[in-house]
Structures are given as C-alpha cells and as structure tokens.
Amino acid sequence: MDRRSFLVSTAGVSALAAGVGIASGSSAMGASRPDGQIVTPDMAIDRLYRGNRRWVNRVSTRKTYAPPGQTPDAGQWPFAAIVTRSDSRVVPEDVFDVAGKNLFIVRNAGNVVGDVTLGSLEYAAVHTGISLIVVLGHSMCGAVGATQASIETDTLPGGSVDSIVELITPGIANLPAEHTLDEAVEANAMYQARRIEALSPTLAAKTRAATVGIVQASYDLVTRKVTFF
C-alpha cells in the first residue's frame, strides 16, 4: 500500500469525489452533538471540501452549520477538529470558509501530535461531538524545513524547537534523498495522523465505531487549495 492510500477505507460518495479517504471503517454513523444533529465523517469532509472550493474561487460566504440564534454561552458546535500549524498565514475558518463555532482548532508548529494535542482531540471527540479530525499541513512549512535541515546535518536546532523536530523526524527521515519540501509536508501530516490512532485508545475506538474519521491534507498558500490524501 502506498502512502497516499493509507487510511483509505469505505468512504462515501462525496468523499470519494473529493479524492479523500476516511480512516477505519464505514462512515455511515456520526458523532453525537450537543444539538442532537448527526454529522457523519463524510458529511463533515464534504462541508470542508465545498468550503475550500469557495475559498479558492474567492466567493467566501462564512457558512455556518451551528444552530441559529445560539449565543456563545450556549456552547460550541464544531463538526470537525483541525490539527494545523501555528503559521499566521493559515486560518482554518478562512481556508474552509466557515464561521466561528464550526471548527475545533489545535495549533502548533509542525502540526505535531503529542500529549497536549491528543488530549485536545479527545476532549473534542467526547464533549463537542466532532465527527472528523483533519491533520492539515501547508506549503513552505518552516518546521518541516528545519527538520529536513536537521536530518541532513545530523544536528538539532537547539532550545525547545528540538522537541518539535524530534516529533517530525520519524515521519520524513526515510523519504528519498531527492524529495521536495511539499512531499515532506505530506509525509509529516500522514505520520501525525497515524499517531493519533496509535496513541489514543479513545480516538481509536471512535474510528473503529465509525463515529470519527481521521484524514490528512495539505494547504497551498499560493493557490489556496486544500488537497486531501
């Protein structure tokens, strides 16, 4: 199985049209949300795919899927969690053209998966009713670039940045010598997505039950397009 086929299983028609695979099992079921709505992983990824198409075409609407008329003290209504980088050029609500309260966002340099990220995602899955987790990398990523340099020179950058590089390294260390930065970004996103299921029994159980899907994607800063893989 090649790396672009990893995590692909029985995705629904809308996800397949977008070229996307949902992790672990059928996507017929959905997560239980505070408002009682059932949102399947396929429904969630279709919302993101359509929203990104609007963003690419510069016809953003800031669409909301949250119940109308709800004030912030009534809770939050995310249908997906986005694990992405801290880069100020990447704003998930813009990239997927949704209003606030629709996405649960976990950010750090390198979109790496450690204890804090896992705890955040478990909270989102258990308490907010998300049905999809997207590990989102982006072009021109400094953290992945720094990791490439670290591998090439066999030195760490120093300080606490080392902890980020050490979490990215296993995902890109075995790429061919002539690989590009974009390929490394994709490999890192896939590796971090695998870590979510491998390290969190809570989230692994939800993917087996098909109430939560896990996918990876990359955002092109120039074209504004998200490619799921």
C-alpha atoms as a PDB file:
ATOM      1  CA  MET A   1       0.000   0.000   0.000  1.00  0.00           C
ATOM      2  CA  ASP A   2       1.500   3.358  -0.977  1.00  0.00           C
ATOM      3  CA  ARG A   3       1.448   6.311   1.402  1.00  0.00           C
ATOM      4  CA  ARG A   4      -1.385   8.082  -0.434  1.00  0.00           C
ATOM      5  CA  SER A   5      -3.573   5.016   0.039  1.00  0.00           C
ATOM      6  CA  PHE A   6      -3.014   4.815   3.789  1.00  0.00           C
ATOM      7  CA  LEU A   7      -6.166   5.381   5.895  1.00  0.00           C
ATOM      8  CA  VAL A   8      -8.461   4.900   2.893  1.00  0.00           C
ATOM      9  CA  SER A   9     -11.403   2.633   3.583  1.00  0.00           C
ATOM     10  CA  THR A  10     -15.083   2.744   2.755  1.00  0.00           C
ATOM     11  CA  ALA A  11     -15.625   6.461   2.273  1.00  0.00           C
ATOM     12  CA  GLY A  12     -18.921   7.676   0.890  1.00  0.00           C
ATOM     13  CA  VAL A  13     -19.660   9.157  -2.493  1.00  0.00           C
ATOM     14  CA  SER A  14     -18.988  12.766  -1.542  1.00  0.00           C
ATOM     15  CA  ALA A  15     -15.589  11.981  -0.023  1.00  0.00           C
ATOM     16  CA  LEU A  16     -14.578   9.856  -2.962  1.00  0.00           C
ATOM     17  CA  ALA A  17     -15.492  12.669  -5.323  1.00  0.00           C
ATOM     18  CA  ALA A  18     -13.107  14.875  -3.387  1.00  0.00           C
ATOM     19  CA  GLY A  19     -10.378  12.234  -3.536  1.00  0.00           C
ATOM     20  CA  VAL A  20     -10.482  11.686   0.217  1.00  0.00           C
ATOM     21  CA  GLY A  21     -10.306   8.562   2.384  1.00  0.00           C
ATOM     22  CA  ILE A  22     -11.824   8.250   5.843  1.00  0.00           C
ATOM     23  CA  ALA A  23      -9.870   6.254   8.406  1.00  0.00           C
ATOM     24  CA  SER A  24     -11.083   2.996   9.827  1.00  0.00           C
ATOM     25  CA  GLY A  25     -14.366   1.594   8.724  1.00  0.00           C
ATOM     26  CA  SER A  26     -17.667   2.751   7.310  1.00  0.00           C
ATOM     27  CA  SER A  27     -18.741   6.348   7.665  1.00  0.00           C
ATOM     28  CA  ALA A  28     -22.441   5.549   7.987  1.00  0.00           C
ATOM     29  CA  MET A  29     -22.575   6.617  11.615  1.00  0.00           C
ATOM     30  CA  GLY A  30     -21.900  10.022  13.082  1.00  0.00           C
ATOM     31  CA  ALA A  31     -20.898  11.652  16.326  1.00  0.00           C
ATOM     32  CA  SER A  32     -23.450  12.776  18.902  1.00  0.00           C
ATOM     33  CA  ARG A  33     -23.525  16.583  19.048  1.00  0.00           C
ATOM     34  CA  PRO A  34     -24.874  18.835  21.800  1.00  0.00           C
ATOM     35  CA  ASP A  35     -27.681  19.933  19.454  1.00  0.00           C
ATOM     36  CA  GLY A  36     -28.638  16.341  18.651  1.00  0.00           C
ATOM     37  CA  GLN A  37     -27.636  16.577  14.981  1.00  0.00           C
ATOM     38  CA  ILE A  38     -25.948  13.579  13.410  1.00  0.00           C
ATOM     39  CA  VAL A  39     -22.956  14.574  11.302  1.00  0.00           C
ATOM     40  CA  THR A  40     -21.137  11.684   9.650  1.00  0.00           C
ATOM     41  CA  PRO A  41     -17.446  11.842   8.767  1.00  0.00           C
ATOM     42  CA  ASP A  42     -18.410  12.007   5.086  1.00  0.00           C
ATOM     43  CA  MET A  43     -20.771  14.907   5.726  1.00  0.00           C
ATOM     44  CA  ALA A  44     -18.032  16.761   7.600  1.00  0.00           C
ATOM     45  CA  ILE A  45     -15.422  16.291   4.901  1.00  0.00           C
ATOM     46  CA  ASP A  46     -17.892  17.336   2.232  1.00  0.00           C
ATOM     47  CA  ARG A  47     -18.501  20.583   4.122  1.00  0.00           C
ATOM     48  CA  LEU A  48     -14.774  21.254   4.275  1.00  0.00           C
ATOM     49  CA  TYR A  49     -14.234  20.366   0.629  1.00  0.00           C
ATOM     50  CA  ARG A  50     -17.040  22.633  -0.551  1.00  0.00           C
ATOM     51  CA  GLY A  51     -15.893  25.450   1.718  1.00  0.00           C
ATOM     52  CA  ASN A  52     -12.347  25.275   0.384  1.00  0.00           C
ATOM     53  CA  ARG A  53     -13.658  25.410  -3.175  1.00  0.00           C
ATOM     54  CA  ARG A  54     -15.425  28.653  -2.291  1.00  0.00           C
ATOM     55  CA  TRP A  55     -12.202  29.991  -0.758  1.00  0.00           C
ATOM     56  CA  VAL A  56     -10.196  29.041  -3.846  1.00  0.00           C
ATOM     57  CA  ASN A  57     -12.763  30.722  -6.094  1.00  0.00           C
ATOM     58  CA  ARG A  58     -12.902  33.813  -3.845  1.00  0.00           C
ATOM     59  CA  VAL A  59     -16.629  33.541  -3.203  1.00  0.00           C
ATOM     60  CA  SER A  60     -16.489  33.060   0.563  1.00  0.00           C
ATOM     61  CA  THR A  61     -19.758  33.108   2.494  1.00  0.00           C
ATOM     62  CA  ARG A  62     -18.589  32.224   6.032  1.00  0.00           C
ATOM     63  CA  LYS A  63     -21.173  29.465   6.098  1.00  0.00           C
ATOM     64  CA  THR A  64     -22.301  28.211   9.488  1.00  0.00           C
ATOM     65  CA  TYR A  65     -23.662  24.829  10.450  1.00  0.00           C
ATOM     66  CA  ALA A  66     -24.244  25.820  14.078  1.00  0.00           C
ATOM     67  CA  PRO A  67     -27.831  26.155  15.346  1.00  0.00           C
ATOM     68  CA  PRO A  68     -29.178  29.631  14.555  1.00  0.00           C
ATOM     69  CA  GLY A  69     -29.588  32.152  17.335  1.00  0.00           C
ATOM     70  CA  GLN A  70     -27.216  30.474  19.776  1.00  0.00           C
ATOM     71  CA  THR A  71     -25.087  32.762  21.936  1.00  0.00           C
ATOM     72  CA  PRO A  72     -21.538  31.763  22.995  1.00  0.00           C
ATOM     73  CA  ASP A  73     -22.690  30.786  26.481  1.00  0.00           C
ATOM     74  CA  ALA A  74     -24.887  28.095  24.920  1.00  0.00           C
ATOM     75  CA  GLY A  75     -21.810  26.111  23.941  1.00  0.00           C
ATOM     76  CA  GLN A  76     -19.824  25.374  20.813  1.00  0.00           C
ATOM     77  CA  TRP A  77     -20.880  23.387  17.767  1.00  0.00           C
ATOM     78  CA  PRO A  78     -17.828  22.136  15.831  1.00  0.00           C
ATOM     79  CA  PHE A  79     -18.283  19.352  13.310  1.00  0.00           C
ATOM     80  CA  ALA A  80     -14.541  18.854  12.695  1.00  0.00           C
ATOM     81  CA  ALA A  81     -11.235  19.282  14.508  1.00  0.00           C
ATOM     82  CA  ILE A  82      -8.307  20.713  12.578  1.00  0.00           C
ATOM     83  CA  VAL A  83      -4.751  19.966  13.721  1.00  0.00           C
ATOM     84  CA  THR A  84      -2.683  22.562  11.920  1.00  0.00           C
ATOM     85  CA  ARG A  85       0.388  24.727  12.165  1.00  0.00           C
ATOM     86  CA  SER A  86       0.761  27.947  14.079  1.00  0.00           C
ATOM     87  CA  ASP A  87       1.649  29.795  10.860  1.00  0.00           C
ATOM     88  CA  SER A  88      -0.226  33.095  10.760  1.00  0.00           C
ATOM     89  CA  ARG A  89      -0.925  32.616   7.044  1.00  0.00           C
ATOM     90  CA  VAL A  90      -3.168  29.623   7.729  1.00  0.00           C
ATOM     91  CA  VAL A  91      -6.581  30.465   9.210  1.00  0.00           C
ATOM     92  CA  PRO A  92      -8.799  27.350   9.095  1.00  0.00           C
ATOM     93  CA  GLU A  93     -12.065  29.319   9.150  1.00  0.00           C
ATOM     94  CA  ASP A  94     -10.860  31.137   6.033  1.00  0.00           C
ATOM     95  CA  VAL A  95      -9.399  28.078   4.341  1.00  0.00           C
ATOM     96  CA  PHE A  96     -12.638  26.102   4.770  1.00  0.00           C
ATOM     97  CA  ASP A  97     -14.957  29.126   4.576  1.00  0.00           C
ATOM     98  CA  VAL A  98     -16.910  28.530   7.765  1.00  0.00           C
ATOM     99  CA  ALA A  99     -17.971  30.848  10.547  1.00  0.00           C
ATOM    100  CA  GLY A 100     -16.832  30.628  14.143  1.00  0.00           C
ATOM    101  CA  LYS A 101     -18.100  27.780  16.342  1.00  0.00           C
ATOM    102  CA  ASN A 102     -17.843  25.304  13.438  1.00  0.00           C
ATOM    103  CA  LEU A 103     -14.253  24.100  13.851  1.00  0.00           C
ATOM    104  CA  PHE A 104     -12.272  22.917  16.875  1.00  0.00           C
ATOM    105  CA  ILE A 105      -8.714  24.037  16.124  1.00  0.00           C
ATOM    106  CA  VAL A 106      -5.496  22.682  17.614  1.00  0.00           C
ATOM    107  CA  ARG A 107      -2.394  24.605  16.515  1.00  0.00           C
ATOM    108  CA  ASN A 108       1.336  24.178  16.978  1.00  0.00           C
ATOM    109  CA  ALA A 109       4.481  24.477  14.898  1.00  0.00           C
ATOM    110  CA  GLY A 110       4.661  21.416  12.659  1.00  0.00           C
ATOM    111  CA  ASN A 111       1.095  20.219  13.431  1.00  0.00           C
ATOM    112  CA  VAL A 112       2.723  17.584  15.619  1.00  0.00           C
ATOM    113  CA  VAL A 113       0.834  15.116  17.781  1.00  0.00           C
ATOM    114  CA  GLY A 114       1.887  14.866  21.421  1.00  0.00           C
ATOM    115  CA  ASP A 115       0.065  14.588  24.726  1.00  0.00           C
ATOM    116  CA  VAL A 116      -1.487  18.059  24.642  1.00  0.00           C
ATOM    117  CA  THR A 117      -2.728  17.621  21.080  1.00  0.00           C
ATOM    118  CA  LEU A 118      -4.140  14.182  21.871  1.00  0.00           C
ATOM    119  CA  GLY A 119      -5.876  15.481  24.977  1.00  0.00           C
ATOM    120  CA  SER A 120      -7.382  18.334  22.986  1.00  0.00           C
ATOM    121  CA  LEU A 121      -8.667  15.970  20.305  1.00  0.00           C
ATOM    122  CA  GLU A 122     -10.073  13.531  22.850  1.00  0.00           C
ATOM    123  CA  TYR A 123     -11.919  16.408  24.502  1.00  0.00           C
ATOM    124  CA  ALA A 124     -13.305  17.493  21.137  1.00  0.00           C
ATOM    125  CA  ALA A 125     -14.451  13.986  20.246  1.00  0.00           C
ATOM    126  CA  VAL A 126     -16.012  13.202  23.611  1.00  0.00           C
ATOM    127  CA  HIS A 127     -17.507  16.543  24.594  1.00  0.00           C
ATOM    128  CA  THR A 128     -18.214  18.533  21.423  1.00  0.00           C
ATOM    129  CA  GLY A 129     -19.370  15.847  19.011  1.00  0.00           C
ATOM    130  CA  ILE A 130     -16.873  16.307  16.180  1.00  0.00           C
ATOM    131  CA  SER A 131     -17.015  13.587  13.542  1.00  0.00           C
ATOM    132  CA  LEU A 132     -13.800  14.348  11.679  1.00  0.00           C
ATOM    133  CA  ILE A 133     -10.150  15.100  12.505  1.00  0.00           C
ATOM    134  CA  VAL A 134      -8.026  16.714   9.793  1.00  0.00           C
ATOM    135  CA  VAL A 135      -4.249  16.924  10.139  1.00  0.00           C
ATOM    136  CA  LEU A 136      -3.506  19.925   7.925  1.00  0.00           C
ATOM    137  CA  GLY A 137      -0.012  20.771   6.704  1.00  0.00           C
ATOM    138  CA  HIS A 138       0.840  23.624   4.369  1.00  0.00           C
ATOM    139  CA  SER A 139       3.325  24.604   1.711  1.00  0.00           C
ATOM    140  CA  MET A 140       6.529  26.414   2.668  1.00  0.00           C
ATOM    141  CA  CYS A 141       6.403  24.973   6.185  1.00  0.00           C
ATOM    142  CA  GLY A 142       9.300  26.216   8.306  1.00  0.00           C
ATOM    143  CA  ALA A 143       9.076  23.450  10.894  1.00  0.00           C
ATOM    144  CA  VAL A 144       9.327  20.684   8.307  1.00  0.00           C
ATOM    145  CA  GLY A 145      12.080  22.605   6.530  1.00  0.00           C
ATOM    146  CA  ALA A 146      14.002  22.862   9.785  1.00  0.00           C
ATOM    147  CA  THR A 147      13.584  19.136  10.292  1.00  0.00           C
ATOM    148  CA  GLN A 148      14.912  18.427   6.820  1.00  0.00           C
ATOM    149  CA  ALA A 149      17.982  20.514   7.640  1.00  0.00           C
ATOM    150  CA  SER A 150      18.379  18.721  10.952  1.00  0.00           C
ATOM    151  CA  ILE A 151      18.350  15.328   9.232  1.00  0.00           C
ATOM    152  CA  GLU A 152      20.816  16.463   6.567  1.00  0.00           C
ATOM    153  CA  THR A 153      23.299  17.919   9.060  1.00  0.00           C
ATOM    154  CA  ASP A 154      22.641  15.492  11.918  1.00  0.00           C
ATOM    155  CA  THR A 155      22.218  18.407  14.314  1.00  0.00           C
ATOM    156  CA  LEU A 156      19.259  19.777  16.209  1.00  0.00           C
ATOM    157  CA  PRO A 157      18.355  23.482  16.019  1.00  0.00           C
ATOM    158  CA  GLY A 158      18.517  23.963  19.784  1.00  0.00           C
ATOM    159  CA  GLY A 159      16.155  25.019  22.543  1.00  0.00           C
ATOM    160  CA  SER A 160      12.602  23.770  22.771  1.00  0.00           C
ATOM    161  CA  VAL A 161      12.368  23.694  18.988  1.00  0.00           C
ATOM    162  CA  ASP A 162      14.208  20.374  19.288  1.00  0.00           C
ATOM    163  CA  SER A 163      11.051  18.768  20.672  1.00  0.00           C
ATOM    164  CA  ILE A 164       9.156  19.717  17.509  1.00  0.00           C
ATOM    165  CA  VAL A 165      11.873  18.474  15.179  1.00  0.00           C
ATOM    166  CA  GLU A 166      12.063  15.189  17.087  1.00  0.00           C
ATOM    167  CA  LEU A 167       8.333  14.620  16.562  1.00  0.00           C
ATOM    168  CA  ILE A 168       8.540  15.329  12.829  1.00  0.00           C
ATOM    169  CA  THR A 169      11.750  13.414  12.065  1.00  0.00           C
ATOM    170  CA  PRO A 170      10.362   9.836  12.088  1.00  0.00           C
ATOM    171  CA  GLY A 171       7.729  10.779   9.526  1.00  0.00           C
ATOM    172  CA  ILE A 172      10.147  12.150   6.930  1.00  0.00           C
ATOM    173  CA  ALA A 173      13.503  10.527   7.687  1.00  0.00           C
ATOM    174  CA  ASN A 174      13.037   7.692   5.181  1.00  0.00           C
ATOM    175  CA  LEU A 175      11.910   9.789   2.227  1.00  0.00           C
ATOM    176  CA  PRO A 176      14.073   9.569  -0.911  1.00  0.00           C
ATOM    177  CA  ALA A 177      17.043  11.923  -0.877  1.00  0.00           C
ATOM    178  CA  GLU A 178      15.602  13.956  -3.750  1.00  0.00           C
ATOM    179  CA  HIS A 179      12.236  14.562  -2.059  1.00  0.00           C
ATOM    180  CA  THR A 180      10.690  18.018  -2.077  1.00  0.00           C
ATOM    181  CA  LEU A 181       9.530  20.095   0.856  1.00  0.00           C
ATOM    182  CA  ASP A 182       5.912  19.579  -0.226  1.00  0.00           C
ATOM    183  CA  GLU A 183       6.418  15.811  -0.149  1.00  0.00           C
ATOM    184  CA  ALA A 184       7.881  16.094   3.337  1.00  0.00           C
ATOM    185  CA  VAL A 185       4.897  18.169   4.466  1.00  0.00           C
ATOM    186  CA  GLU A 186       2.531  15.470   3.208  1.00  0.00           C
ATOM    187  CA  ALA A 187       4.567  12.697   4.820  1.00  0.00           C
ATOM    188  CA  ASN A 188       4.544  14.529   8.136  1.00  0.00           C
ATOM    189  CA  ALA A 189       0.771  15.053   8.009  1.00  0.00           C
ATOM    190  CA  MET A 190       0.258  11.358   7.319  1.00  0.00           C
ATOM    191  CA  TYR A 191       2.631  10.341  10.109  1.00  0.00           C
ATOM    192  CA  GLN A 192       0.931  12.608  12.644  1.00  0.00           C
ATOM    193  CA  ALA A 193      -2.486  11.269  11.617  1.00  0.00           C
ATOM    194  CA  ARG A 194      -1.267   7.711  12.239  1.00  0.00           C
ATOM    195  CA  ARG A 195      -0.008   8.756  15.665  1.00  0.00           C
ATOM    196  CA  ILE A 196      -3.474   9.898  16.689  1.00  0.00           C
ATOM    197  CA  GLU A 197      -4.946   6.426  16.349  1.00  0.00           C
ATOM    198  CA  ALA A 198      -1.827   4.677  17.606  1.00  0.00           C
ATOM    199  CA  LEU A 199      -1.504   6.729  20.793  1.00  0.00           C
ATOM    200  CA  SER A 200      -5.117   7.400  21.764  1.00  0.00           C
ATOM    201  CA  PRO A 201      -7.307   4.407  22.668  1.00  0.00           C
ATOM    202  CA  THR A 202     -10.242   6.818  22.985  1.00  0.00           C
ATOM    203  CA  LEU A 203      -9.926   8.080  19.417  1.00  0.00           C
ATOM    204  CA  ALA A 204      -9.007   4.663  18.022  1.00  0.00           C
ATOM    205  CA  ALA A 205     -12.258   3.294  19.462  1.00  0.00           C
ATOM    206  CA  LYS A 206     -14.224   6.085  17.810  1.00  0.00           C
ATOM    207  CA  THR A 207     -12.632   5.429  14.412  1.00  0.00           C
ATOM    208  CA  ARG A 208     -13.418   1.711  14.763  1.00  0.00           C
ATOM    209  CA  ALA A 209     -17.012   2.621  15.567  1.00  0.00           C
ATOM    210  CA  ALA A 210     -17.028   4.927  12.506  1.00  0.00           C
ATOM    211  CA  THR A 211     -18.205   7.911  14.534  1.00  0.00           C
ATOM    212  CA  VAL A 212     -14.964   9.816  13.902  1.00  0.00           C
ATOM    213  CA  GLY A 213     -12.838   9.824  10.755  1.00  0.00           C
ATOM    214  CA  ILE A 214      -9.207  10.876  10.505  1.00  0.00           C
ATOM    215  CA  VAL A 215      -7.716  12.308   7.312  1.00  0.00           C
ATOM    216  CA  GLN A 216      -4.679  14.337   6.357  1.00  0.00           C
ATOM    217  CA  ALA A 217      -4.386  17.230   3.958  1.00  0.00           C
ATOM    218  CA  SER A 218      -2.070  19.961   2.732  1.00  0.00           C
ATOM    219  CA  TYR A 219      -2.867  23.629   2.089  1.00  0.00           C
ATOM    220  CA  ASP A 220      -1.141  25.514  -0.721  1.00  0.00           C
ATOM    221  CA  LEU A 221      -0.505  29.085   0.416  1.00  0.00           C
ATOM    222  CA  VAL A 222      -0.410  30.363  -3.169  1.00  0.00           C
ATOM    223  CA  THR A 223      -3.367  28.607  -4.814  1.00  0.00           C
ATOM    224  CA  ARG A 224      -5.394  28.487  -1.552  1.00  0.00           C
ATOM    225  CA  LYS A 225      -6.344  24.891  -2.361  1.00  0.00           C
ATOM    226  CA  VAL A 226      -6.513  22.084   0.200  1.00  0.00           C
ATOM    227  CA  THR A 227      -5.543  18.657  -1.122  1.00  0.00           C
ATOM    228  CA  PHE A 228      -6.820  15.725   0.931  1.00  0.00           C
ATOM    229  CA  PHE A 229      -4.918  12.448   0.705  1.00  0.00           C
END
